[in-house]
Amino acid sequence: YFSVGMENKELNWWGTNGEHCQLASCPTAKGIEV
């Protein structure tokens, strides 16, 4: 945090984009738009 976090030095590649399960937060009922 004190070395790279406060300086906003972020890595951006497939391995730093979370667990890749964005659709898990979606509803499955018909007609519901999110």
Full PDB file with SEQRES, HELIX, SHEET, SSBOND, CRYST1, ORIGX, SCALE, CONECT and MASTER records, all heavy atoms in Angstrom:
SEQRES   1 A   34  TYR PHE SER VAL GLY MET GLU ASN LYS GLU LEU ASN TRP          
SEQRES   2 A   34  TRP GLY THR ASN GLY GLU HIS CYS GLN LEU ALA SER CYS          
SEQRES   3 A   34  PRO THR ALA LYS GLY ILE GLU VAL                              
HELIX    1 AA1 TRP A   14  THR A   16  5                                   3    
HELIX    2 AA2 GLN A   22  SER A   25  5                                   4    
CRYST1    1.000    1.000    1.000  90.00  90.00  90.00 P 1           1          
ORIGX1      1.000000  0.000000  0.000000        0.00000                         
ORIGX2      0.000000  1.000000  0.000000        0.00000                         
ORIGX3      0.000000  0.000000  1.000000        0.00000                         
SCALE1      1.000000  0.000000  0.000000        0.00000                         
SCALE2      0.000000  1.000000  0.000000        0.00000                         
SCALE3      0.000000  0.000000  1.000000        0.00000                         
ATOM      1  N   TYR A   1       0.832  -1.205   0.000  1.00  0.00           N  
ATOM      2  CA  TYR A   1       0.000   0.000   0.000  1.00  0.00           C  
ATOM      3  C   TYR A   1       0.867   1.255   0.000  1.00  0.00           C  
ATOM      4  O   TYR A   1       0.623   2.198  -0.759  1.00  0.00           O  
ATOM      5  CB  TYR A   1      -0.926   0.004   1.216  1.00  0.00           C  
ATOM      6  CG  TYR A   1      -1.745   1.275   1.299  1.00  0.00           C  
ATOM      7  CD1 TYR A   1      -2.831   1.490   0.455  1.00  0.00           C  
ATOM      8  CD2 TYR A   1      -1.409   2.284   2.202  1.00  0.00           C  
ATOM      9  CE1 TYR A   1      -3.565   2.656   0.507  1.00  0.00           C  
ATOM     10  CE2 TYR A   1      -2.140   3.459   2.269  1.00  0.00           C  
ATOM     11  CZ  TYR A   1      -3.218   3.644   1.413  1.00  0.00           C  
ATOM     12  OH  TYR A   1      -3.931   4.814   1.468  1.00  0.00           O  
ATOM     13  N   PHE A   2       1.882   1.284   0.837  1.00  0.00           N  
ATOM     14  CA  PHE A   2       2.705   2.489   0.942  1.00  0.00           C  
ATOM     15  C   PHE A   2       3.670   2.651  -0.232  1.00  0.00           C  
ATOM     16  O   PHE A   2       4.129   3.756  -0.509  1.00  0.00           O  
ATOM     17  CB  PHE A   2       3.483   2.482   2.254  1.00  0.00           C  
ATOM     18  CG  PHE A   2       2.642   2.822   3.450  1.00  0.00           C  
ATOM     19  CD1 PHE A   2       2.294   1.850   4.367  1.00  0.00           C  
ATOM     20  CD2 PHE A   2       2.176   4.114   3.649  1.00  0.00           C  
ATOM     21  CE1 PHE A   2       1.504   2.160   5.464  1.00  0.00           C  
ATOM     22  CE2 PHE A   2       1.386   4.434   4.747  1.00  0.00           C  
ATOM     23  CZ  PHE A   2       1.052   3.457   5.659  1.00  0.00           C  
ATOM     24  N   SER A   3       3.993   1.561  -0.932  1.00  0.00           N  
ATOM     25  CA  SER A   3       4.946   1.663  -2.046  1.00  0.00           C  
ATOM     26  C   SER A   3       4.254   1.883  -3.390  1.00  0.00           C  
ATOM     27  O   SER A   3       4.617   2.790  -4.143  1.00  0.00           O  
ATOM     28  CB  SER A   3       5.824   0.410  -2.103  1.00  0.00           C  
ATOM     29  OG  SER A   3       5.019  -0.750  -2.259  1.00  0.00           O  
ATOM     30  N   VAL A   4       3.238   1.070  -3.694  1.00  0.00           N  
ATOM     31  CA  VAL A   4       2.589   1.192  -5.006  1.00  0.00           C  
ATOM     32  C   VAL A   4       1.135   1.642  -4.910  1.00  0.00           C  
ATOM     33  O   VAL A   4       0.602   2.243  -5.839  1.00  0.00           O  
ATOM     34  CB  VAL A   4       2.652  -0.150  -5.774  1.00  0.00           C  
ATOM     35  CG1 VAL A   4       4.077  -0.509  -6.100  1.00  0.00           C  
ATOM     36  CG2 VAL A   4       1.978  -1.274  -4.994  1.00  0.00           C  
ATOM     37  N   GLY A   5       0.490   1.364  -3.783  1.00  0.00           N  
ATOM     38  CA  GLY A   5      -0.920   1.725  -3.652  1.00  0.00           C  
ATOM     39  C   GLY A   5      -1.135   3.219  -3.594  1.00  0.00           C  
ATOM     40  O   GLY A   5      -1.997   3.773  -4.288  1.00  0.00           O  
ATOM     41  N   MET A   6      -0.367   3.916  -2.773  1.00  0.00           N  
ATOM     42  CA  MET A   6      -0.539   5.360  -2.636  1.00  0.00           C  
ATOM     43  C   MET A   6      -0.122   6.110  -3.894  1.00  0.00           C  
ATOM     44  O   MET A   6      -0.570   7.231  -4.137  1.00  0.00           O  
ATOM     45  CB  MET A   6       0.250   5.871  -1.423  1.00  0.00           C  
ATOM     46  CG  MET A   6      -0.248   5.343  -0.088  1.00  0.00           C  
ATOM     47  SD  MET A   6       0.544   6.103   1.335  1.00  0.00           S  
ATOM     48  CE  MET A   6      -0.169   7.744   1.294  1.00  0.00           C  
ATOM     49  N   GLU A   7       0.731   5.500  -4.701  1.00  0.00           N  
ATOM     50  CA  GLU A   7       1.174   6.122  -5.954  1.00  0.00           C  
ATOM     51  C   GLU A   7       0.311   5.705  -7.137  1.00  0.00           C  
ATOM     52  O   GLU A   7       0.574   6.106  -8.273  1.00  0.00           O  
ATOM     53  CB  GLU A   7       2.639   5.737  -6.230  1.00  0.00           C  
ATOM     54  CG  GLU A   7       3.621   6.193  -5.153  1.00  0.00           C  
ATOM     55  CD  GLU A   7       3.703   7.706  -5.065  1.00  0.00           C  
ATOM     56  OE1 GLU A   7       3.555   8.364  -6.118  1.00  0.00           O  
ATOM     57  OE2 GLU A   7       3.912   8.220  -3.954  1.00  0.00           O  
ATOM     58  N   ASN A   8      -0.705   4.871  -6.871  1.00  0.00           N  
ATOM     59  CA  ASN A   8      -1.607   4.395  -7.933  1.00  0.00           C  
ATOM     60  C   ASN A   8      -0.856   3.713  -9.075  1.00  0.00           C  
ATOM     61  O   ASN A   8      -1.204   3.864 -10.243  1.00  0.00           O  
ATOM     62  CB  ASN A   8      -2.451   5.550  -8.484  1.00  0.00           C  
ATOM     63  CG  ASN A   8      -3.446   6.062  -7.463  1.00  0.00           C  
ATOM     64  OD1 ASN A   8      -4.054   5.287  -6.737  1.00  0.00           O  
ATOM     65  ND2 ASN A   8      -3.598   7.377  -7.404  1.00  0.00           N  
ATOM     66  N   LYS A   9       0.170   2.961  -8.727  1.00  0.00           N  
ATOM     67  CA  LYS A   9       0.927   2.205  -9.731  1.00  0.00           C  
ATOM     68  C   LYS A   9       0.293   0.823  -9.856  1.00  0.00           C  
ATOM     69  O   LYS A   9       0.591  -0.095  -9.101  1.00  0.00           O  
ATOM     70  CB  LYS A   9       2.396   2.097  -9.325  1.00  0.00           C  
ATOM     71  CG  LYS A   9       3.111   3.443  -9.305  1.00  0.00           C  
ATOM     72  CD  LYS A   9       4.570   3.295  -8.900  1.00  0.00           C  
ATOM     73  CE  LYS A   9       5.280   4.644  -8.902  1.00  0.00           C  
ATOM     74  NZ  LYS A   9       6.703   4.525  -8.482  1.00  0.00           N  
ATOM     75  N   GLU A  10      -0.595   0.698 -10.813  1.00  0.00           N  
ATOM     76  CA  GLU A  10      -1.365  -0.530 -10.963  1.00  0.00           C  
ATOM     77  C   GLU A  10      -0.890  -1.340 -12.165  1.00  0.00           C  
ATOM     78  O   GLU A  10      -0.440  -0.787 -13.159  1.00  0.00           O  
ATOM     79  CB  GLU A  10      -2.852  -0.202 -11.137  1.00  0.00           C  
ATOM     80  CG  GLU A  10      -3.451   0.558  -9.970  1.00  0.00           C  
ATOM     81  CD  GLU A  10      -4.901   0.927 -10.226  1.00  0.00           C  
ATOM     82  OE1 GLU A  10      -5.371   0.693 -11.356  1.00  0.00           O  
ATOM     83  OE2 GLU A  10      -5.557   1.447  -9.305  1.00  0.00           O  
ATOM     84  N   LEU A  11      -0.992  -2.667 -12.034  1.00  0.00           N  
ATOM     85  CA  LEU A  11      -0.761  -3.558 -13.169  1.00  0.00           C  
ATOM     86  C   LEU A  11      -2.099  -3.846 -13.829  1.00  0.00           C  
ATOM     87  O   LEU A  11      -3.111  -4.007 -13.147  1.00  0.00           O  
ATOM     88  CB  LEU A  11      -0.115  -4.866 -12.698  1.00  0.00           C  
ATOM     89  CG  LEU A  11       1.298  -4.775 -12.116  1.00  0.00           C  
ATOM     90  CD1 LEU A  11       1.770  -6.156 -11.679  1.00  0.00           C  
ATOM     91  CD2 LEU A  11       2.277  -4.186 -13.123  1.00  0.00           C  
ATOM     92  N   ASN A  12      -2.118  -3.911 -15.127  1.00  0.00           N  
ATOM     93  CA  ASN A  12      -3.375  -4.138 -15.843  1.00  0.00           C  
ATOM     94  C   ASN A  12      -3.181  -5.235 -16.877  1.00  0.00           C  
ATOM     95  O   ASN A  12      -2.685  -4.999 -17.973  1.00  0.00           O  
ATOM     96  CB  ASN A  12      -3.844  -2.843 -16.516  1.00  0.00           C  
ATOM     97  CG  ASN A  12      -5.250  -2.987 -17.093  1.00  0.00           C  
ATOM     98  OD1 ASN A  12      -5.944  -3.971 -16.835  1.00  0.00           O  
ATOM     99  ND2 ASN A  12      -5.654  -2.017 -17.888  1.00  0.00           N  
ATOM    100  N   TRP A  13      -3.518  -6.448 -16.518  1.00  0.00           N  
ATOM    101  CA  TRP A  13      -3.492  -7.571 -17.436  1.00  0.00           C  
ATOM    102  C   TRP A  13      -4.524  -8.598 -16.960  1.00  0.00           C  
ATOM    103  O   TRP A  13      -5.181  -8.407 -15.948  1.00  0.00           O  
ATOM    104  CB  TRP A  13      -2.082  -8.175 -17.548  1.00  0.00           C  
ATOM    105  CG  TRP A  13      -1.570  -8.854 -16.311  1.00  0.00           C  
ATOM    106  CD1 TRP A  13      -1.191  -8.263 -15.155  1.00  0.00           C  
ATOM    107  CD2 TRP A  13      -1.384 -10.263 -16.120  1.00  0.00           C  
ATOM    108  NE1 TRP A  13      -0.779  -9.199 -14.237  1.00  0.00           N  
ATOM    109  CE2 TRP A  13      -0.880 -10.433 -14.809  1.00  0.00           C  
ATOM    110  CE3 TRP A  13      -1.578 -11.392 -16.921  1.00  0.00           C  
ATOM    111  CZ2 TRP A  13      -0.577 -11.693 -14.294  1.00  0.00           C  
ATOM    112  CZ3 TRP A  13      -1.279 -12.641 -16.395  1.00  0.00           C  
ATOM    113  CH2 TRP A  13      -0.782 -12.781 -15.107  1.00  0.00           C  
ATOM    114  N   TRP A  14      -4.686  -9.660 -17.708  1.00  0.00           N  
ATOM    115  CA  TRP A  14      -5.724 -10.646 -17.399  1.00  0.00           C  
ATOM    116  C   TRP A  14      -5.642 -11.119 -15.957  1.00  0.00           C  
ATOM    117  O   TRP A  14      -6.657 -11.325 -15.299  1.00  0.00           O  
ATOM    118  CB  TRP A  14      -5.588 -11.830 -18.353  1.00  0.00           C  
ATOM    119  CG  TRP A  14      -6.612 -12.907 -18.132  1.00  0.00           C  
ATOM    120  CD1 TRP A  14      -7.855 -12.985 -18.687  1.00  0.00           C  
ATOM    121  CD2 TRP A  14      -6.483 -14.060 -17.280  1.00  0.00           C  
ATOM    122  NE1 TRP A  14      -8.514 -14.105 -18.239  1.00  0.00           N  
ATOM    123  CE2 TRP A  14      -7.684 -14.790 -17.374  1.00  0.00           C  
ATOM    124  CE3 TRP A  14      -5.465 -14.541 -16.464  1.00  0.00           C  
ATOM    125  CZ2 TRP A  14      -7.892 -15.970 -16.683  1.00  0.00           C  
ATOM    126  CZ3 TRP A  14      -5.672 -15.719 -15.757  1.00  0.00           C  
ATOM    127  CH2 TRP A  14      -6.880 -16.426 -15.873  1.00  0.00           C  
ATOM    128  N   GLY A  15      -4.443 -11.273 -15.425  1.00  0.00           N  
ATOM    129  CA  GLY A  15      -4.250 -11.807 -14.076  1.00  0.00           C  
ATOM    130  C   GLY A  15      -4.532 -10.817 -12.969  1.00  0.00           C  
ATOM    131  O   GLY A  15      -4.435 -11.174 -11.788  1.00  0.00           O  
ATOM    132  N   THR A  16      -4.871  -9.568 -13.306  1.00  0.00           N  
ATOM    133  CA  THR A  16      -5.218  -8.590 -12.267  1.00  0.00           C  
ATOM    134  C   THR A  16      -6.638  -8.051 -12.432  1.00  0.00           C  
ATOM    135  O   THR A  16      -6.992  -7.028 -11.846  1.00  0.00           O  
ATOM    136  CB  THR A  16      -4.232  -7.411 -12.294  1.00  0.00           C  
ATOM    137  OG1 THR A  16      -4.257  -6.794 -13.583  1.00  0.00           O  
ATOM    138  CG2 THR A  16      -2.827  -7.871 -11.969  1.00  0.00           C  
ATOM    139  N   ASN A  17      -7.449  -8.743 -13.229  1.00  0.00           N  
ATOM    140  CA  ASN A  17      -8.815  -8.283 -13.484  1.00  0.00           C  
ATOM    141  C   ASN A  17      -9.859  -9.072 -12.703  1.00  0.00           C  
ATOM    142  O   ASN A  17     -10.947  -9.342 -13.195  1.00  0.00           O  
ATOM    143  CB  ASN A  17      -9.125  -8.359 -14.990  1.00  0.00           C  
ATOM    144  CG  ASN A  17      -8.354  -7.329 -15.787  1.00  0.00           C  
ATOM    145  OD1 ASN A  17      -7.994  -6.276 -15.259  1.00  0.00           O  
ATOM    146  ND2 ASN A  17      -8.059  -7.636 -17.042  1.00  0.00           N  
ATOM    147  N   GLY A  18      -9.532  -9.463 -11.489  1.00  0.00           N  
ATOM    148  CA  GLY A  18     -10.489 -10.160 -10.641  1.00  0.00           C  
ATOM    149  C   GLY A  18     -10.660 -11.623 -11.011  1.00  0.00           C  
ATOM    150  O   GLY A  18      -9.830 -12.210 -11.716  1.00  0.00           O  
ATOM    151  N   GLU A  19     -11.764 -12.220 -10.558  1.00  0.00           N  
ATOM    152  CA  GLU A  19     -11.957 -13.649 -10.788  1.00  0.00           C  
ATOM    153  C   GLU A  19     -12.650 -13.955 -12.111  1.00  0.00           C  
ATOM    154  O   GLU A  19     -12.886 -15.113 -12.433  1.00  0.00           O  
ATOM    155  CB  GLU A  19     -12.753 -14.269  -9.638  1.00  0.00           C  
ATOM    156  CG  GLU A  19     -14.184 -13.783  -9.532  1.00  0.00           C  
ATOM    157  CD  GLU A  19     -15.030 -14.632  -8.597  1.00  0.00           C  
ATOM    158  OE1 GLU A  19     -14.573 -15.675  -8.125  1.00  0.00           O  
ATOM    159  OE2 GLU A  19     -16.175 -14.240  -8.347  1.00  0.00           O  
ATOM    160  N   HIS A  20     -13.008 -12.915 -12.892  1.00  0.00           N  
ATOM    161  CA  HIS A  20     -13.615 -13.098 -14.217  1.00  0.00           C  
ATOM    162  C   HIS A  20     -14.972 -13.806 -14.124  1.00  0.00           C  
ATOM    163  O   HIS A  20     -15.269 -14.706 -14.909  1.00  0.00           O  
ATOM    164  CB  HIS A  20     -12.671 -13.882 -15.140  1.00  0.00           C  
ATOM    165  CG  HIS A  20     -11.325 -13.240 -15.283  1.00  0.00           C  
ATOM    166  ND1 HIS A  20     -11.082 -12.211 -16.156  1.00  0.00           N  
ATOM    167  CD2 HIS A  20     -10.156 -13.467 -14.637  1.00  0.00           C  
ATOM    168  CE1 HIS A  20      -9.812 -11.840 -16.062  1.00  0.00           C  
ATOM    169  NE2 HIS A  20      -9.228 -12.588 -15.140  1.00  0.00           N  
ATOM    170  N   CYS A  21     -15.764 -13.383 -13.159  1.00  0.00           N  
ATOM    171  CA  CYS A  21     -17.108 -13.958 -12.993  1.00  0.00           C  
ATOM    172  C   CYS A  21     -18.150 -12.845 -12.905  1.00  0.00           C  
ATOM    173  O   CYS A  21     -19.041 -12.877 -12.056  1.00  0.00           O  
ATOM    174  CB  CYS A  21     -17.172 -14.818 -11.723  1.00  0.00           C  
ATOM    175  SG  CYS A  21     -16.181 -16.313 -11.752  1.00  0.00           S  
ATOM    176  N   GLN A  22     -18.038 -11.872 -13.789  1.00  0.00           N  
ATOM    177  CA  GLN A  22     -18.939 -10.718 -13.708  1.00  0.00           C  
ATOM    178  C   GLN A  22     -20.410 -11.109 -13.844  1.00  0.00           C  
ATOM    179  O   GLN A  22     -21.290 -10.486 -13.246  1.00  0.00           O  
ATOM    180  CB  GLN A  22     -18.592  -9.695 -14.797  1.00  0.00           C  
ATOM    181  CG  GLN A  22     -17.288  -8.958 -14.572  1.00  0.00           C  
ATOM    182  CD  GLN A  22     -16.073  -9.735 -15.065  1.00  0.00           C  
ATOM    183  OE1 GLN A  22     -16.211 -10.869 -15.534  1.00  0.00           O  
ATOM    184  NE2 GLN A  22     -14.900  -9.140 -14.966  1.00  0.00           N  
ATOM    185  N   LEU A  23     -20.699 -12.135 -14.636  1.00  0.00           N  
ATOM    186  CA  LEU A  23     -22.096 -12.513 -14.874  1.00  0.00           C  
ATOM    187  C   LEU A  23     -22.736 -13.187 -13.662  1.00  0.00           C  
ATOM    188  O   LEU A  23     -23.957 -13.353 -13.624  1.00  0.00           O  
ATOM    189  CB  LEU A  23     -22.186 -13.454 -16.082  1.00  0.00           C  
ATOM    190  CG  LEU A  23     -21.721 -12.876 -17.426  1.00  0.00           C  
ATOM    191  CD1 LEU A  23     -21.939 -13.895 -18.534  1.00  0.00           C  
ATOM    192  CD2 LEU A  23     -22.451 -11.579 -17.741  1.00  0.00           C  
ATOM    193  N   ALA A  24     -21.928 -13.563 -12.675  1.00  0.00           N  
ATOM    194  CA  ALA A  24     -22.487 -14.205 -11.478  1.00  0.00           C  
ATOM    195  C   ALA A  24     -23.404 -13.265 -10.715  1.00  0.00           C  
ATOM    196  O   ALA A  24     -24.272 -13.717  -9.963  1.00  0.00           O  
ATOM    197  CB  ALA A  24     -21.360 -14.690 -10.570  1.00  0.00           C  
ATOM    198  N   SER A  25     -23.229 -11.952 -10.905  1.00  0.00           N  
ATOM    199  CA  SER A  25     -24.064 -10.970 -10.210  1.00  0.00           C  
ATOM    200  C   SER A  25     -25.345 -10.642 -10.964  1.00  0.00           C  
ATOM    201  O   SER A  25     -26.076  -9.732 -10.567  1.00  0.00           O  
ATOM    202  CB  SER A  25     -23.266  -9.675  -9.977  1.00  0.00           C  
ATOM    203  OG  SER A  25     -22.153  -9.915  -9.145  1.00  0.00           O  
ATOM    204  N   CYS A  26     -25.613 -11.350 -12.043  1.00  0.00           N  
ATOM    205  CA  CYS A  26     -26.785 -11.056 -12.869  1.00  0.00           C  
ATOM    206  C   CYS A  26     -28.006 -11.849 -12.419  1.00  0.00           C  
ATOM    207  O   CYS A  26     -27.879 -12.966 -11.913  1.00  0.00           O  
ATOM    208  CB  CYS A  26     -26.491 -11.389 -14.336  1.00  0.00           C  
ATOM    209  SG  CYS A  26     -25.231 -10.320 -15.087  1.00  0.00           S  
ATOM    210  N   PRO A  27     -29.208 -11.283 -12.638  1.00  0.00           N  
ATOM    211  CA  PRO A  27     -30.440 -12.042 -12.390  1.00  0.00           C  
ATOM    212  C   PRO A  27     -30.704 -13.008 -13.537  1.00  0.00           C  
ATOM    213  O   PRO A  27     -30.121 -12.892 -14.615  1.00  0.00           O  
ATOM    214  CB  PRO A  27     -31.505 -10.945 -12.331  1.00  0.00           C  
ATOM    215  CG  PRO A  27     -30.977  -9.868 -13.216  1.00  0.00           C  
ATOM    216  CD  PRO A  27     -29.477  -9.894 -13.053  1.00  0.00           C  
ATOM    217  N   THR A  28     -31.590 -13.964 -13.315  1.00  0.00           N  
ATOM    218  CA  THR A  28     -31.924 -14.937 -14.363  1.00  0.00           C  
ATOM    219  C   THR A  28     -33.414 -14.941 -14.700  1.00  0.00           C  
ATOM    220  O   THR A  28     -33.846 -15.725 -15.542  1.00  0.00           O  
ATOM    221  CB  THR A  28     -31.505 -16.358 -13.924  1.00  0.00           C  
ATOM    222  OG1 THR A  28     -32.136 -16.672 -12.679  1.00  0.00           O  
ATOM    223  CG2 THR A  28     -29.999 -16.455 -13.764  1.00  0.00           C  
ATOM    224  N   ALA A  29     -34.212 -14.086 -14.063  1.00  0.00           N  
ATOM    225  CA  ALA A  29     -35.645 -14.026 -14.366  1.00  0.00           C  
ATOM    226  C   ALA A  29     -35.873 -13.376 -15.721  1.00  0.00           C  
ATOM    227  O   ALA A  29     -35.106 -12.501 -16.155  1.00  0.00           O  
ATOM    228  CB  ALA A  29     -36.384 -13.251 -13.280  1.00  0.00           C  
ATOM    229  N   LYS A  30     -36.916 -13.770 -16.393  1.00  0.00           N  
ATOM    230  CA  LYS A  30     -37.217 -13.227 -17.712  1.00  0.00           C  
ATOM    231  C   LYS A  30     -37.617 -11.751 -17.620  1.00  0.00           C  
ATOM    232  O   LYS A  30     -38.376 -11.353 -16.746  1.00  0.00           O  
ATOM    233  CB  LYS A  30     -38.349 -14.019 -18.362  1.00  0.00           C  
ATOM    234  CG  LYS A  30     -37.976 -15.453 -18.714  1.00  0.00           C  
ATOM    235  CD  LYS A  30     -39.129 -16.170 -19.401  1.00  0.00           C  
ATOM    236  CE  LYS A  30     -38.739 -17.601 -19.786  1.00  0.00           C  
ATOM    237  NZ  LYS A  30     -39.849 -18.310 -20.464  1.00  0.00           N  
ATOM    238  N   GLY A  31     -37.065 -10.963 -18.543  1.00  0.00           N  
ATOM    239  CA  GLY A  31     -37.459  -9.567 -18.674  1.00  0.00           C  
ATOM    240  C   GLY A  31     -36.777  -8.601 -17.735  1.00  0.00           C  
ATOM    241  O   GLY A  31     -37.012  -7.394 -17.821  1.00  0.00           O  
ATOM    242  N   ILE A  32     -35.937  -9.070 -16.825  1.00  0.00           N  
ATOM    243  CA  ILE A  32     -35.242  -8.180 -15.896  1.00  0.00           C  
ATOM    244  C   ILE A  32     -33.972  -7.663 -16.562  1.00  0.00           C  
ATOM    245  O   ILE A  32     -33.108  -8.453 -16.959  1.00  0.00           O  
ATOM    246  CB  ILE A  32     -34.903  -8.904 -14.578  1.00  0.00           C  
ATOM    247  CG1 ILE A  32     -36.192  -9.360 -13.889  1.00  0.00           C  
ATOM    248  CG2 ILE A  32     -34.104  -7.991 -13.661  1.00  0.00           C  
ATOM    249  CD1 ILE A  32     -37.111  -8.238 -13.477  1.00  0.00           C  
ATOM    250  N   GLU A  33     -33.840  -6.343 -16.696  1.00  0.00           N  
ATOM    251  CA  GLU A  33     -32.702  -5.733 -17.368  1.00  0.00           C  
ATOM    252  C   GLU A  33     -31.804  -5.047 -16.342  1.00  0.00           C  
ATOM    253  O   GLU A  33     -32.250  -4.188 -15.592  1.00  0.00           O  
ATOM    254  CB  GLU A  33     -33.174  -4.709 -18.401  1.00  0.00           C  
ATOM    255  CG  GLU A  33     -33.990  -5.316 -19.531  1.00  0.00           C  
ATOM    256  CD  GLU A  33     -34.359  -4.299 -20.590  1.00  0.00           C  
ATOM    257  OE1 GLU A  33     -33.755  -3.200 -20.579  1.00  0.00           O  
ATOM    258  OE2 GLU A  33     -35.248  -4.590 -21.406  1.00  0.00           O  
ATOM    259  N   VAL A  34     -30.539  -5.452 -16.342  1.00  0.00           N  
ATOM    260  CA  VAL A  34     -29.529  -4.872 -15.461  1.00  0.00           C  
ATOM    261  C   VAL A  34     -28.304  -4.584 -16.302  1.00  0.00           C  
ATOM    262  O   VAL A  34     -27.916  -5.399 -17.156  1.00  0.00           O  
ATOM    263  CB  VAL A  34     -29.172  -5.842 -14.303  1.00  0.00           C  
ATOM    264  CG1 VAL A  34     -28.039  -5.272 -13.457  1.00  0.00           C  
ATOM    265  CG2 VAL A  34     -30.396  -6.101 -13.429  1.00  0.00           C  
TER     266      VAL A  34                                                      
MASTER        0    0    0    2    0    0    0    6  265    1    0    3          
END                                                                             
